[in-house]
Amino acid sequence: MTASGIYVYGIVGGSHPLPPSGAGIGEPPAPVRLLPAEDLAVVVSAAYPGLRARRRDLMAHQNLLLALAAAGPVLPMRFGMVAPDEATVLAGVAARRSEHAAVLERLDSRVEMNVKIMPVQDNLAALIREDPVVRRIREETRRHPCYEANVRLGEAVAAGLRRRAAEAAALLPPQFAEIADDMCPGPDVDGCVLNASFLVPRREEGRFRGVAERFAADHLDRVELRVTGPLPCYSFVAAEPVPARA
């Protein structure tokens, strides 16, 4: 495999160990190494031409960051960040060294947990009981069935289910207030009424999941809830910490 630049995984403290089983991107996996940068270090490997978001490489990138995080804080890079050479990497780290050190301190012993909430799609009876607009359109459709009426009913049902789910979802973030150190709203996701990431002390992960599970059980007729994590703390890092191209 011919190298094509420096692939950057993240920044760690200068004494941070590499995981013994850590493997980088590529086939075969590229050896991972630490590039010293004063009291910090950058986790890098060789990049290869034609790098794409293959599942194999995506998982290698994320699994390495999680393995690194088990031994101490990591300032993660997004997948696919490649710098032309070591000098570019080191210059970028040096220019923001104090900022990187502060972020690493903040992320120490913490993980990112992502929560997505979607409307329940199969509880029409409860919606009809609670929503007079849906109830009226349903009765009109029954009296005068036609394609347009069915479309209006479908749109009203979808909007009603989403509204009920959004009202419930708004109650969840405050329940994490005593567990999570921070919350970061995520990008809009089709079908979701809430997409948010939480910065959670590693020791509180079980408690965080317990709150989410109880919330889902208490609002079973309104929401479907999905918790993903632990994840590298992408959402709690500012702009990419090393000058690199995606």
Protein backbone atom coordinates (compact mmCIF):
# COMPACT_ATOMS: atom_id res chain seq x y z
CA MET A 1 0.00 0.00 0.00
CA THR A 2 1.59 3.27 -1.11
CA ALA A 3 1.39 6.11 1.40
CA SER A 4 -0.32 9.36 0.40
CA GLY A 5 0.18 11.85 3.22
CA ILE A 6 -0.36 11.64 6.98
CA TYR A 7 -3.68 10.33 8.26
CA VAL A 8 -4.64 12.05 11.53
CA TYR A 9 -6.80 10.38 14.18
CA GLY A 10 -6.56 12.84 17.06
CA ILE A 11 -4.48 14.57 19.71
CA VAL A 12 -3.53 13.15 23.10
CA GLY A 13 -1.23 14.05 25.97
CA GLY A 14 2.45 13.48 25.36
CA SER A 15 2.61 10.49 27.73
CA HIS A 16 -0.56 8.85 26.42
CA PRO A 17 0.05 5.19 25.50
CA LEU A 18 -1.01 3.61 22.24
CA PRO A 19 -3.40 0.68 22.70
CA PRO A 20 -1.56 -2.62 22.19
CA SER A 21 -4.20 -3.87 19.76
CA GLY A 22 -4.75 -0.53 18.02
CA ALA A 23 -4.92 -0.73 14.24
CA GLY A 24 -5.29 2.04 11.73
CA ILE A 25 -7.11 2.40 8.45
CA GLY A 26 -6.24 0.48 5.32
CA GLU A 27 -5.89 -3.12 4.22
CA PRO A 28 -3.65 -4.30 5.72
CA PRO A 29 -4.18 -1.86 8.63
CA ALA A 30 -1.58 0.91 8.69
CA PRO A 31 0.66 0.97 11.78
CA VAL A 32 -0.38 3.73 14.17
CA ARG A 33 2.22 5.92 15.85
CA LEU A 34 2.52 9.00 18.05
CA LEU A 35 3.94 12.18 16.58
CA PRO A 36 5.36 14.19 19.54
CA ALA A 37 4.30 17.86 19.68
CA GLU A 38 5.87 19.37 22.84
CA ASP A 39 3.72 18.13 25.75
CA LEU A 40 1.11 16.75 23.35
CA ALA A 41 1.18 14.04 20.69
CA VAL A 42 -0.74 13.47 17.48
CA VAL A 43 -1.99 9.98 16.67
CA VAL A 44 -1.20 9.32 13.01
CA SER A 45 -0.57 6.67 10.42
CA ALA A 46 0.22 6.64 6.73
CA ALA A 47 -2.73 7.50 4.49
CA TYR A 48 -3.35 5.72 1.22
CA PRO A 49 -4.63 6.90 -2.16
CA GLY A 50 -8.34 6.63 -2.86
CA LEU A 51 -9.38 6.78 0.78
CA ARG A 52 -13.17 6.48 1.02
CA ALA A 53 -15.68 5.99 3.80
CA ARG A 54 -15.63 2.20 3.73
CA ARG A 55 -17.19 0.56 6.76
CA ARG A 56 -13.91 -1.22 7.50
CA ASP A 57 -12.01 2.06 7.72
CA LEU A 58 -14.78 3.95 9.53
CA MET A 59 -14.82 1.28 12.22
CA ALA A 60 -11.02 1.19 12.43
CA HIS A 61 -10.95 4.97 12.95
CA GLN A 62 -13.65 4.95 15.64
CA ASN A 63 -12.40 1.84 17.43
CA LEU A 64 -8.90 3.28 17.68
CA LEU A 65 -10.25 6.51 19.20
CA LEU A 66 -12.34 4.56 21.72
CA ALA A 67 -9.35 2.41 22.66
CA LEU A 68 -7.24 5.53 23.11
CA ALA A 69 -9.96 7.15 25.24
CA ALA A 70 -9.92 4.17 27.60
CA ALA A 71 -6.40 5.25 28.65
CA GLY A 72 -7.01 9.01 28.81
CA PRO A 73 -8.60 11.97 27.04
CA VAL A 74 -8.49 12.23 23.25
CA LEU A 75 -9.22 15.21 21.06
CA PRO A 76 -10.67 13.37 18.05
CA MET A 77 -10.50 14.15 14.37
CA ARG A 78 -13.33 13.27 12.01
CA PHE A 79 -12.81 10.38 9.65
CA GLY A 80 -10.78 11.02 6.54
CA MET A 81 -8.55 13.90 7.64
CA VAL A 82 -5.21 13.78 5.80
CA ALA A 83 -2.33 16.25 6.11
CA PRO A 84 0.34 16.52 3.44
CA ASP A 85 3.27 15.99 5.84
CA GLU A 86 4.39 15.94 9.47
CA ALA A 87 5.47 19.58 9.42
CA THR A 88 1.94 20.71 8.59
CA VAL A 89 0.52 18.65 11.44
CA LEU A 90 3.04 19.93 13.98
CA ALA A 91 2.59 23.56 12.94
CA GLY A 92 -1.17 23.30 13.34
CA VAL A 93 -0.89 21.76 16.79
CA ALA A 94 1.67 24.31 17.96
CA ALA A 95 -0.52 27.22 16.86
CA ARG A 96 -3.32 26.11 19.22
CA ARG A 97 -1.41 24.17 21.87
CA SER A 98 -2.99 25.82 24.93
CA GLU A 99 -6.49 25.40 23.46
CA HIS A 100 -5.86 21.71 22.78
CA ALA A 101 -4.55 21.17 26.32
CA ALA A 102 -7.66 22.81 27.80
CA VAL A 103 -9.97 20.63 25.70
CA LEU A 104 -8.10 17.48 26.70
CA GLU A 105 -8.50 18.42 30.35
CA ARG A 106 -12.24 18.93 29.84
CA LEU A 107 -12.67 15.59 28.07
CA ASP A 108 -10.73 13.59 30.66
CA SER A 109 -12.73 10.56 31.85
CA ARG A 110 -15.72 11.58 29.72
CA VAL A 111 -17.52 10.07 26.76
CA GLU A 112 -20.08 11.27 24.26
CA MET A 113 -23.56 9.74 24.34
CA ASN A 114 -25.97 10.47 21.51
CA VAL A 115 -29.76 10.38 21.89
CA LYS A 116 -32.21 10.31 19.01
CA ILE A 117 -35.98 10.43 19.50
CA MET A 118 -38.49 9.52 16.80
CA PRO A 119 -42.31 9.59 16.87
CA VAL A 120 -44.13 6.32 17.46
CA GLN A 121 -45.83 5.46 14.18
CA ASP A 122 -48.44 2.92 15.27
CA ASN A 123 -50.51 4.67 17.95
CA LEU A 124 -53.25 6.27 15.89
CA ALA A 125 -55.94 5.61 18.49
CA ALA A 126 -54.25 7.77 21.13
CA LEU A 127 -53.63 10.53 18.60
CA ILE A 128 -57.28 10.59 17.52
CA ARG A 129 -58.39 10.81 21.15
CA GLU A 130 -56.06 13.72 21.90
CA ASP A 131 -55.96 15.71 18.65
CA PRO A 132 -59.24 17.35 17.56
CA VAL A 133 -57.78 18.34 14.17
CA VAL A 134 -56.88 14.77 13.28
CA ARG A 135 -60.24 13.59 14.62
CA ARG A 136 -62.13 16.08 12.42
CA ILE A 137 -60.16 15.25 9.26
CA ARG A 138 -60.67 11.55 9.91
CA GLU A 139 -64.42 11.98 10.15
CA GLU A 140 -64.46 14.09 6.97
CA THR A 141 -62.47 11.41 5.16
CA ARG A 142 -64.93 8.76 6.25
CA ARG A 143 -67.89 10.81 5.00
CA HIS A 144 -66.23 11.81 1.73
CA PRO A 145 -63.50 9.32 0.90
CA CYS A 146 -61.18 10.30 -1.93
CA TYR A 147 -57.48 10.46 -2.70
CA GLU A 148 -57.09 14.09 -1.60
CA ALA A 149 -58.88 13.41 1.68
CA ASN A 150 -56.61 10.44 2.38
CA VAL A 151 -53.55 12.60 1.69
CA ARG A 152 -54.81 15.30 4.08
CA LEU A 153 -55.45 12.70 6.74
CA GLY A 154 -52.02 11.17 6.32
CA GLU A 155 -50.35 14.56 6.60
CA ALA A 156 -52.39 15.45 9.68
CA VAL A 157 -51.53 12.14 11.34
CA ALA A 158 -47.81 12.54 10.62
CA ALA A 159 -47.83 16.10 11.96
CA GLY A 160 -49.77 15.06 15.04
CA LEU A 161 -47.46 12.15 15.86
CA ARG A 162 -44.45 14.41 15.42
CA ARG A 163 -45.97 17.11 17.62
CA ARG A 164 -46.74 14.62 20.43
CA ALA A 165 -43.22 13.20 20.22
CA ALA A 166 -41.61 16.66 20.23
CA GLU A 167 -43.58 17.67 23.32
CA ALA A 168 -42.35 14.57 25.12
CA ALA A 169 -38.79 14.89 23.84
CA ALA A 170 -38.48 18.39 25.28
CA LEU A 171 -38.82 16.86 28.75
CA LEU A 172 -35.75 14.62 28.44
CA PRO A 173 -32.68 16.93 28.39
CA PRO A 174 -33.46 18.44 31.83
CA GLN A 175 -33.45 14.92 33.26
CA PHE A 176 -29.78 14.59 32.27
CA ALA A 177 -28.83 17.88 33.96
CA GLU A 178 -27.29 16.21 37.02
CA ILE A 179 -25.49 13.56 34.95
CA ALA A 180 -24.13 15.19 31.82
CA ASP A 181 -21.59 18.00 31.87
CA ASP A 182 -22.79 19.46 28.58
CA MET A 183 -25.27 19.01 25.75
CA CYS A 184 -24.76 19.72 22.06
CA PRO A 185 -27.72 19.70 19.63
CA GLY A 186 -26.93 17.64 16.55
CA PRO A 187 -27.88 18.27 12.94
CA ASP A 188 -31.44 17.68 11.80
CA VAL A 189 -32.06 14.01 11.06
CA ASP A 190 -35.01 12.98 8.93
CA GLY A 191 -37.69 11.46 11.14
CA CYS A 192 -36.18 12.65 14.45
CA VAL A 193 -37.67 15.21 16.80
CA LEU A 194 -34.50 15.24 18.91
CA ASN A 195 -30.89 14.56 18.00
CA ALA A 196 -28.52 15.60 20.79
CA SER A 197 -25.18 14.54 22.19
CA PHE A 198 -24.23 14.67 25.86
CA LEU A 199 -20.81 14.85 27.48
CA VAL A 200 -21.03 12.25 30.22
CA PRO A 201 -18.51 11.24 32.89
CA ARG A 202 -17.51 7.66 32.12
CA ARG A 203 -18.57 6.55 35.60
CA GLU A 204 -22.10 7.88 34.91
CA GLU A 205 -22.72 6.01 31.66
CA GLY A 206 -24.92 3.40 33.34
CA ARG A 207 -26.94 6.05 35.15
CA PHE A 208 -27.36 7.97 31.88
CA ARG A 209 -28.70 4.86 30.14
CA GLY A 210 -31.04 4.19 33.05
CA VAL A 211 -32.60 7.67 32.79
CA ALA A 212 -33.04 7.24 29.03
CA GLU A 213 -34.64 3.81 29.44
CA ARG A 214 -37.08 5.03 32.09
CA PHE A 215 -38.02 7.99 29.92
CA ALA A 216 -38.68 5.71 26.94
CA ALA A 217 -40.84 3.42 29.09
CA ASP A 218 -42.80 6.37 30.50
CA HIS A 219 -43.52 7.73 27.00
CA LEU A 220 -43.94 4.47 25.16
CA ASP A 221 -47.06 5.72 23.38
CA ARG A 222 -45.28 8.79 21.97
CA VAL A 223 -41.60 8.18 21.28
CA GLU A 224 -39.03 5.69 20.14
CA LEU A 225 -35.65 6.42 21.71
CA ARG A 226 -32.20 5.35 20.57
CA VAL A 227 -29.03 5.80 22.64
CA THR A 228 -25.67 5.43 20.88
CA GLY A 229 -22.38 5.40 22.74
CA PRO A 230 -19.93 5.66 24.18
CA LEU A 231 -18.55 7.65 21.25
CA PRO A 232 -15.44 9.76 20.76
CA CYS A 233 -16.26 13.30 21.90
CA TYR A 234 -16.59 14.80 18.42
CA SER A 235 -19.45 17.13 19.39
CA PHE A 236 -17.50 18.84 22.17
CA VAL A 237 -14.46 19.80 20.14
CA ALA A 238 -14.31 23.05 18.18
CA ALA A 239 -13.09 23.16 14.58
CA GLU A 240 -10.79 20.37 13.43
CA PRO A 241 -7.68 20.70 15.59
CA VAL A 242 -5.13 19.92 12.87
CA PRO A 243 -4.96 21.52 9.41
CA ALA A 244 -5.91 18.69 7.11
CA ARG A 245 -8.10 18.01 4.14
CA ALA A 246 -11.05 15.66 4.17
